Amino acid sequence: MSSKNERITLGVRDRRLKEIEDAIQFRKQLLLEKRKELQQKSKINEYLTDVQKSYNKYYEKELKEKALQADALKAIKEHLETIIKADTLLEHELEEAESDKKELEKEITKIEKEIMKYK
């Protein structure tokens, strides 16, 4: 019986996490749009230049963090590939390593898309 309750609780938790993730993505997109709008307005209004500089610093920091994250995931993926090629894993370990590699590739692609949005 507790298994069913755990699944329900996990389902609620997963749904809540997805909602939070969506809200974060929405806010990031909103900030990106505001940054672009501010770039246009600062050309006309010199007082907005400092505000634009703050936005630019934030996005530069975000870009650096995303690039570091992508690099770290790529290093992990390369290490997994080395382990896979070494042919020392048991069958179930190999399957798990291949699965992990695919998940890493998806995450790297996702991060690279986010980086492109910032540019």
C-alpha atoms as a PDB file:
ATOM      1  CA  MET A   1       0.000   0.000   0.000  1.00  0.00           C
ATOM      2  CA  SER A   2       2.810   2.405   0.754  1.00  0.00           C
ATOM      3  CA  SER A   3       4.122   1.881  -2.773  1.00  0.00           C
ATOM      4  CA  LYS A   4       0.949   3.394  -4.222  1.00  0.00           C
ATOM      5  CA  ASN A   5       1.163   6.327  -1.799  1.00  0.00           C
ATOM      6  CA  GLU A   6       4.804   6.839  -2.733  1.00  0.00           C
ATOM      7  CA  ARG A   7       3.900   6.908  -6.429  1.00  0.00           C
ATOM      8  CA  ILE A   8       1.157   9.441  -5.795  1.00  0.00           C
ATOM      9  CA  THR A   9       3.517  11.546  -3.716  1.00  0.00           C
ATOM     10  CA  LEU A  10       6.231  11.267  -6.360  1.00  0.00           C
ATOM     11  CA  GLY A  11       3.736  12.193  -9.050  1.00  0.00           C
ATOM     12  CA  VAL A  12       2.681  15.289  -7.136  1.00  0.00           C
ATOM     13  CA  ARG A  13       6.312  16.154  -6.487  1.00  0.00           C
ATOM     14  CA  ASP A  14       7.244  15.679 -10.157  1.00  0.00           C
ATOM     15  CA  ARG A  15       4.323  17.824 -11.269  1.00  0.00           C
ATOM     16  CA  ARG A  16       5.321  20.550  -8.821  1.00  0.00           C
ATOM     17  CA  LEU A  17       8.945  20.421  -9.970  1.00  0.00           C
ATOM     18  CA  LYS A  18       7.781  20.751 -13.583  1.00  0.00           C
ATOM     19  CA  GLU A  19       5.658  23.770 -12.650  1.00  0.00           C
ATOM     20  CA  ILE A  20       8.635  25.390 -10.937  1.00  0.00           C
ATOM     21  CA  GLU A  21      10.897  24.616 -13.889  1.00  0.00           C
ATOM     22  CA  ASP A  22       8.347  26.129 -16.290  1.00  0.00           C
ATOM     23  CA  ALA A  23       8.048  29.250 -14.127  1.00  0.00           C
ATOM     24  CA  ILE A  24      11.830  29.668 -14.092  1.00  0.00           C
ATOM     25  CA  GLN A  25      12.000  29.292 -17.884  1.00  0.00           C
ATOM     26  CA  PHE A  26       9.162  31.813 -18.288  1.00  0.00           C
ATOM     27  CA  ARG A  27      10.979  34.344 -16.107  1.00  0.00           C
ATOM     28  CA  LYS A  28      14.251  33.803 -17.964  1.00  0.00           C
ATOM     29  CA  GLN A  29      12.466  34.385 -21.273  1.00  0.00           C
ATOM     30  CA  LEU A  30      10.795  37.488 -19.857  1.00  0.00           C
ATOM     31  CA  LEU A  31      14.165  38.855 -18.711  1.00  0.00           C
ATOM     32  CA  LEU A  32      15.619  38.174 -22.132  1.00  0.00           C
ATOM     33  CA  GLU A  33      12.785  40.061 -23.804  1.00  0.00           C
ATOM     34  CA  LYS A  34      13.148  42.950 -21.353  1.00  0.00           C
ATOM     35  CA  ARG A  35      16.871  43.066 -22.081  1.00  0.00           C
ATOM     36  CA  LYS A  36      16.234  43.365 -25.812  1.00  0.00           C
ATOM     37  CA  GLU A  37      13.611  46.040 -25.214  1.00  0.00           C
ATOM     38  CA  LEU A  38      15.985  47.905 -22.941  1.00  0.00           C
ATOM     39  CA  GLN A  39      18.724  47.802 -25.574  1.00  0.00           C
ATOM     40  CA  GLN A  40      16.428  49.583 -27.987  1.00  0.00           C
ATOM     41  CA  LYS A  41      15.219  52.146 -25.444  1.00  0.00           C
ATOM     42  CA  SER A  42      18.711  52.907 -24.140  1.00  0.00           C
ATOM     43  CA  LYS A  43      19.662  54.125 -27.606  1.00  0.00           C
ATOM     44  CA  ILE A  44      17.072  56.871 -27.142  1.00  0.00           C
ATOM     45  CA  ASN A  45      17.290  57.422 -23.376  1.00  0.00           C
ATOM     46  CA  GLU A  46      20.830  57.713 -22.013  1.00  0.00           C
ATOM     47  CA  TYR A  47      19.638  57.192 -18.409  1.00  0.00           C
ATOM     48  CA  LEU A  48      18.778  53.597 -19.216  1.00  0.00           C
ATOM     49  CA  THR A  49      22.381  52.819 -20.131  1.00  0.00           C
ATOM     50  CA  ASP A  50      23.289  51.856 -16.533  1.00  0.00           C
ATOM     51  CA  VAL A  51      20.275  49.593 -16.291  1.00  0.00           C
ATOM     52  CA  GLN A  52      21.265  47.960 -19.562  1.00  0.00           C
ATOM     53  CA  LYS A  53      24.801  47.441 -18.244  1.00  0.00           C
ATOM     54  CA  SER A  54      23.356  45.595 -15.248  1.00  0.00           C
ATOM     55  CA  TYR A  55      21.290  43.366 -17.523  1.00  0.00           C
ATOM     56  CA  ASN A  56      24.373  42.700 -19.653  1.00  0.00           C
ATOM     57  CA  LYS A  57      26.432  41.733 -16.593  1.00  0.00           C
ATOM     58  CA  TYR A  58      23.701  39.308 -15.538  1.00  0.00           C
ATOM     59  CA  TYR A  59      23.576  37.690 -18.976  1.00  0.00           C
ATOM     60  CA  GLU A  60      27.349  37.510 -19.260  1.00  0.00           C
ATOM     61  CA  LYS A  61      27.401  35.684 -15.925  1.00  0.00           C
ATOM     62  CA  GLU A  62      24.633  33.345 -17.093  1.00  0.00           C
ATOM     63  CA  LEU A  63      26.494  32.628 -20.328  1.00  0.00           C
ATOM     64  CA  LYS A  64      29.695  31.792 -18.467  1.00  0.00           C
ATOM     65  CA  GLU A  65      27.842  29.497 -16.064  1.00  0.00           C
ATOM     66  CA  LYS A  66      26.062  27.715 -18.900  1.00  0.00           C
ATOM     67  CA  ALA A  67      29.300  27.305 -20.844  1.00  0.00           C
ATOM     68  CA  LEU A  68      31.033  25.859 -17.774  1.00  0.00           C
ATOM     69  CA  GLN A  69      28.106  23.530 -17.192  1.00  0.00           C
ATOM     70  CA  ALA A  70      28.174  22.336 -20.807  1.00  0.00           C
ATOM     71  CA  ASP A  71      31.944  21.808 -20.647  1.00  0.00           C
ATOM     72  CA  ALA A  72      31.629  19.779 -17.450  1.00  0.00           C
ATOM     73  CA  LEU A  73      28.908  17.590 -18.951  1.00  0.00           C
ATOM     74  CA  LYS A  74      30.992  17.081 -22.088  1.00  0.00           C
ATOM     75  CA  ALA A  75      33.932  15.967 -19.939  1.00  0.00           C
ATOM     76  CA  ILE A  76      31.712  13.483 -18.114  1.00  0.00           C
ATOM     77  CA  LYS A  77      30.368  12.214 -21.437  1.00  0.00           C
ATOM     78  CA  GLU A  78      33.893  11.744 -22.778  1.00  0.00           C
ATOM     79  CA  HIS A  79      34.823   9.816 -19.635  1.00  0.00           C
ATOM     80  CA  LEU A  80      31.758   7.590 -20.079  1.00  0.00           C
ATOM     81  CA  GLU A  81      32.740   6.958 -23.697  1.00  0.00           C
ATOM     82  CA  THR A  82      36.225   5.929 -22.543  1.00  0.00           C
ATOM     83  CA  ILE A  83      34.747   3.520 -20.017  1.00  0.00           C
ATOM     84  CA  ILE A  84      32.367   2.085 -22.608  1.00  0.00           C
ATOM     85  CA  LYS A  85      35.177   1.580 -25.125  1.00  0.00           C
ATOM     86  CA  ALA A  86      37.374  -0.113 -22.497  1.00  0.00           C
ATOM     87  CA  ASP A  87      34.979  -3.072 -22.690  1.00  0.00           C
ATOM     88  CA  THR A  88      35.284  -3.873 -18.982  1.00  0.00           C
ATOM     89  CA  LEU A  89      31.644  -3.360 -18.038  1.00  0.00           C
ATOM     90  CA  LEU A  90      29.083  -6.031 -17.430  1.00  0.00           C
ATOM     91  CA  GLU A  91      26.081  -6.006 -19.755  1.00  0.00           C
ATOM     92  CA  HIS A  92      23.758  -4.189 -17.350  1.00  0.00           C
ATOM     93  CA  GLU A  93      26.517  -1.666 -16.537  1.00  0.00           C
ATOM     94  CA  LEU A  94      27.071  -1.050 -20.229  1.00  0.00           C
ATOM     95  CA  GLU A  95      23.352  -0.453 -20.766  1.00  0.00           C
ATOM     96  CA  GLU A  96      23.290   1.974 -17.856  1.00  0.00           C
ATOM     97  CA  ALA A  97      26.384   3.793 -19.147  1.00  0.00           C
ATOM     98  CA  GLU A  98      24.832   4.102 -22.628  1.00  0.00           C
ATOM     99  CA  SER A  99      21.616   5.419 -21.079  1.00  0.00           C
ATOM    100  CA  ASP A 100      23.560   7.934 -18.990  1.00  0.00           C
ATOM    101  CA  LYS A 101      25.457   9.028 -22.097  1.00  0.00           C
ATOM    102  CA  LYS A 102      22.192   9.703 -23.954  1.00  0.00           C
ATOM    103  CA  GLU A 103      20.855  11.715 -21.012  1.00  0.00           C
ATOM    104  CA  LEU A 104      24.061  13.752 -20.960  1.00  0.00           C
ATOM    105  CA  GLU A 105      23.758  14.411 -24.687  1.00  0.00           C
ATOM    106  CA  LYS A 106      20.180  15.653 -24.215  1.00  0.00           C
ATOM    107  CA  GLU A 107      21.229  17.928 -21.369  1.00  0.00           C
ATOM    108  CA  ILE A 108      24.192  19.292 -23.346  1.00  0.00           C
ATOM    109  CA  THR A 109      21.900  20.052 -26.301  1.00  0.00           C
ATOM    110  CA  LYS A 110      19.429  21.771 -23.973  1.00  0.00           C
ATOM    111  CA  ILE A 111      22.169  23.929 -22.449  1.00  0.00           C
ATOM    112  CA  GLU A 112      23.608  24.828 -25.859  1.00  0.00           C
ATOM    113  CA  LYS A 113      20.134  25.958 -26.974  1.00  0.00           C
ATOM    114  CA  GLU A 114      19.864  28.125 -23.852  1.00  0.00           C
ATOM    115  CA  ILE A 115      23.277  29.638 -24.634  1.00  0.00           C
ATOM    116  CA  MET A 116      22.106  30.496 -28.152  1.00  0.00           C
ATOM    117  CA  LYS A 117      19.065  32.311 -26.715  1.00  0.00           C
ATOM    118  CA  TYR A 118      21.349  34.586 -24.709  1.00  0.00           C
ATOM    119  CA  LYS A 119      23.433  35.576 -27.717  1.00  0.00           C
END
